[in-house]
C-alpha atoms as a PDB file:
ATOM      1  CA  MET A   1     248.685 183.454  89.697  1.00  0.00           C
ATOM      2  CA  GLU A   2     248.246 180.915  87.166  1.00  0.00           C
ATOM      3  CA  LEU A   3     250.212 177.280  87.016  1.00  0.00           C
ATOM      4  CA  ALA A   4     251.761 176.808  84.048  1.00  0.00           C
ATOM      5  CA  ARG A   5     250.651 173.557  81.919  1.00  0.00           C
ATOM      6  CA  ALA A   6     253.121 170.981  80.444  1.00  0.00           C
ATOM      7  CA  VAL A   7     252.900 170.049  76.941  1.00  0.00           C
ATOM      8  CA  ASP A   8     254.363 166.719  76.355  1.00  0.00           C
ATOM      9  CA  HIS A   9     255.859 166.626  72.880  1.00  0.00           C
ATOM     10  CA  SER A  10     256.996 162.891  73.299  1.00  0.00           C
ATOM     11  CA  SER A  11     257.743 162.576  69.324  1.00  0.00           C
ATOM     12  CA  ARG A  12     260.861 164.804  70.238  1.00  0.00           C
ATOM     13  CA  GLY A  13     261.153 163.203  73.892  1.00  0.00           C
ATOM     14  CA  LEU A  14     261.029 166.733  74.859  1.00  0.00           C
ATOM     15  CA  THR A  15     258.577 168.135  77.542  1.00  0.00           C
ATOM     16  CA  MET A  16     257.985 171.899  77.806  1.00  0.00           C
ATOM     17  CA  HIS A  17     256.105 174.408  80.215  1.00  0.00           C
ATOM     18  CA  VAL A  18     254.064 176.621  78.730  1.00  0.00           C
ATOM     19  CA  ASN A  19     253.935 179.920  80.911  1.00  0.00           C
ATOM     20  CA  LYS A  20     251.185 182.299  80.820  1.00  0.00           C
ATOM     21  CA  VAL A  21     253.547 185.186  81.103  1.00  0.00           C
ATOM     22  CA  HIS A  22     253.869 187.473  77.812  1.00  0.00           C
ATOM     23  CA  SER A  23     255.858 189.756  79.002  1.00  0.00           C
ATOM     24  CA  VAL A  24     257.784 191.885  81.777  1.00  0.00           C
ATOM     25  CA  ARG A  25     259.239 195.370  82.679  1.00  0.00           C
ATOM     26  CA  THR A  26     262.700 196.134  83.714  1.00  0.00           C
ATOM     27  CA  LEU A  27     263.274 197.658  87.261  1.00  0.00           C
ATOM     28  CA  ALA A  28     264.701 200.665  84.829  1.00  0.00           C
ATOM     29  CA  LEU A  29     261.267 200.946  83.238  1.00  0.00           C
ATOM     30  CA  VAL A  30     259.194 200.079  86.105  1.00  0.00           C
ATOM     31  CA  ALA A  31     261.256 202.964  88.707  1.00  0.00           C
ATOM     32  CA  ARG A  32     260.794 205.695  85.844  1.00  0.00           C
ATOM     33  CA  ASP A  33     257.029 204.713  85.717  1.00  0.00           C
ATOM     34  CA  LEU A  34     256.757 204.704  89.211  1.00  0.00           C
ATOM     35  CA  ASP A  35     259.229 207.805  89.267  1.00  0.00           C
ATOM     36  CA  LYS A  36     260.830 205.865  92.216  1.00  0.00           C
ATOM     37  CA  ASP A  37     264.830 205.475  92.896  1.00  0.00           C
ATOM     38  CA  GLU A  38     265.964 202.103  90.716  1.00  0.00           C
ATOM     39  CA  ASP A  39     268.358 201.694  93.306  1.00  0.00           C
ATOM     40  CA  TRP A  40     265.972 201.772  96.157  1.00  0.00           C
ATOM     41  CA  LEU A  41     263.438 199.957  94.521  1.00  0.00           C
ATOM     42  CA  ALA A  42     265.964 197.193  93.985  1.00  0.00           C
ATOM     43  CA  ASP A  43     266.345 196.762  97.760  1.00  0.00           C
ATOM     44  CA  LEU A  44     262.988 196.657  98.355  1.00  0.00           C
ATOM     45  CA  ALA A  45     262.682 193.117  95.799  1.00  0.00           C
ATOM     46  CA  LEU A  46     265.749 191.730  96.965  1.00  0.00           C
ATOM     47  CA  ASP A  47     263.253 189.468  98.580  1.00  0.00           C
ATOM     48  CA  MET A  48     261.125 188.716  95.965  1.00  0.00           C
ATOM     49  CA  GLU A  49     261.384 185.517  94.054  1.00  0.00           C
ATOM     50  CA  PRO A  50     259.426 183.935  90.820  1.00  0.00           C
ATOM     51  CA  GLU A  51     256.775 182.982  92.226  1.00  0.00           C
ATOM     52  CA  ASP A  52     256.208 186.955  93.145  1.00  0.00           C
ATOM     53  CA  GLY A  53     256.904 187.912  89.434  1.00  0.00           C
ATOM     54  CA  LEU A  54     260.277 188.710  89.929  1.00  0.00           C
ATOM     55  CA  ILE A  55     262.728 187.513  86.894  1.00  0.00           C
ATOM     56  CA  TRP A  56     266.242 187.893  86.006  1.00  0.00           C
ATOM     57  CA  VAL A  57     267.038 188.963  82.477  1.00  0.00           C
ATOM     58  CA  TYR A  58     270.559 188.400  80.855  1.00  0.00           C
ATOM     59  CA  ASP A  59     271.803 190.525  78.048  1.00  0.00           C
ATOM     60  CA  PRO A  60     275.412 191.351  76.688  1.00  0.00           C
ATOM     61  CA  GLN A  61     274.519 194.738  78.597  1.00  0.00           C
ATOM     62  CA  HIS A  62     273.421 193.142  81.865  1.00  0.00           C
ATOM     63  CA  GLU A  63     275.338 189.984  82.111  1.00  0.00           C
ATOM     64  CA  ASP A  64     274.939 189.547  85.638  1.00  0.00           C
ATOM     65  CA  GLY A  65     271.212 190.224  84.885  1.00  0.00           C
ATOM     66  CA  THR A  66     268.544 192.510  86.041  1.00  0.00           C
ATOM     67  CA  MET A  67     265.480 192.713  87.612  1.00  0.00           C
ATOM     68  CA  ALA A  68     262.260 192.453  85.645  1.00  0.00           C
ATOM     69  CA  PHE A  69     258.901 192.250  86.772  1.00  0.00           C
ATOM     70  CA  THR A  70     255.501 190.424  85.329  1.00  0.00           C
ATOM     71  CA  GLU A  71     252.254 192.374  85.848  1.00  0.00           C
ATOM     72  CA  TYR A  72     251.913 190.455  89.168  1.00  0.00           C
ATOM     73  CA  GLY A  73     255.546 191.218  90.342  1.00  0.00           C
ATOM     74  CA  VAL A  74     254.570 195.086  90.028  1.00  0.00           C
ATOM     75  CA  GLU A  75     251.563 194.531  91.916  1.00  0.00           C
ATOM     76  CA  SER A  76     253.916 193.072  94.564  1.00  0.00           C
ATOM     77  CA  LEU A  77     256.503 195.815  94.635  1.00  0.00           C
ATOM     78  CA  LEU A  78     253.545 198.377  94.901  1.00  0.00           C
ATOM     79  CA  ASN A  79     252.763 196.297  98.163  1.00  0.00           C
ATOM     80  CA  LEU A  80     256.148 196.408  99.297  1.00  0.00           C
ATOM     81  CA  ILE A  81     256.204 200.369  98.797  1.00  0.00           C
ATOM     82  CA  GLU A  82     253.133 200.345 101.111  1.00  0.00           C
ATOM     83  CA  ILE A  83     254.490 198.642 103.706  1.00  0.00           C
ATOM     84  CA  HIS A  84     257.644 200.260 104.137  1.00  0.00           C
ATOM     85  CA  ARG A  85     255.878 203.436 103.859  1.00  0.00           C
ATOM     86  CA  SER A  86     253.576 202.050 106.737  1.00  0.00           C
ATOM     87  CA  ARG A  87     256.224 201.232 108.994  1.00  0.00           C
ATOM     88  CA  PRO A  88     257.197 203.733 111.823  1.00  0.00           C
ATOM     89  CA  LYS A  89     260.655 205.723 111.048  1.00  0.00           C
END
């Protein structure tokens, strides 16, 4: 994963980080695309962190937030699915 770079806007007293993530996909969209149950995927993703590509998105319809994944986050989630499948039952 690429590191964010700091941009110094000293003239305005503002330092901001520029992140290379330009889009995310919501849990509902990822579940639909993978043909998986949304609640099941949410349970798998609960231990993911921002470093794993998981972020929370808030809007008027989702005041408590909804999971969203970067491209790397979807890959991480696919790895979790494979780990879950390979576990003995």
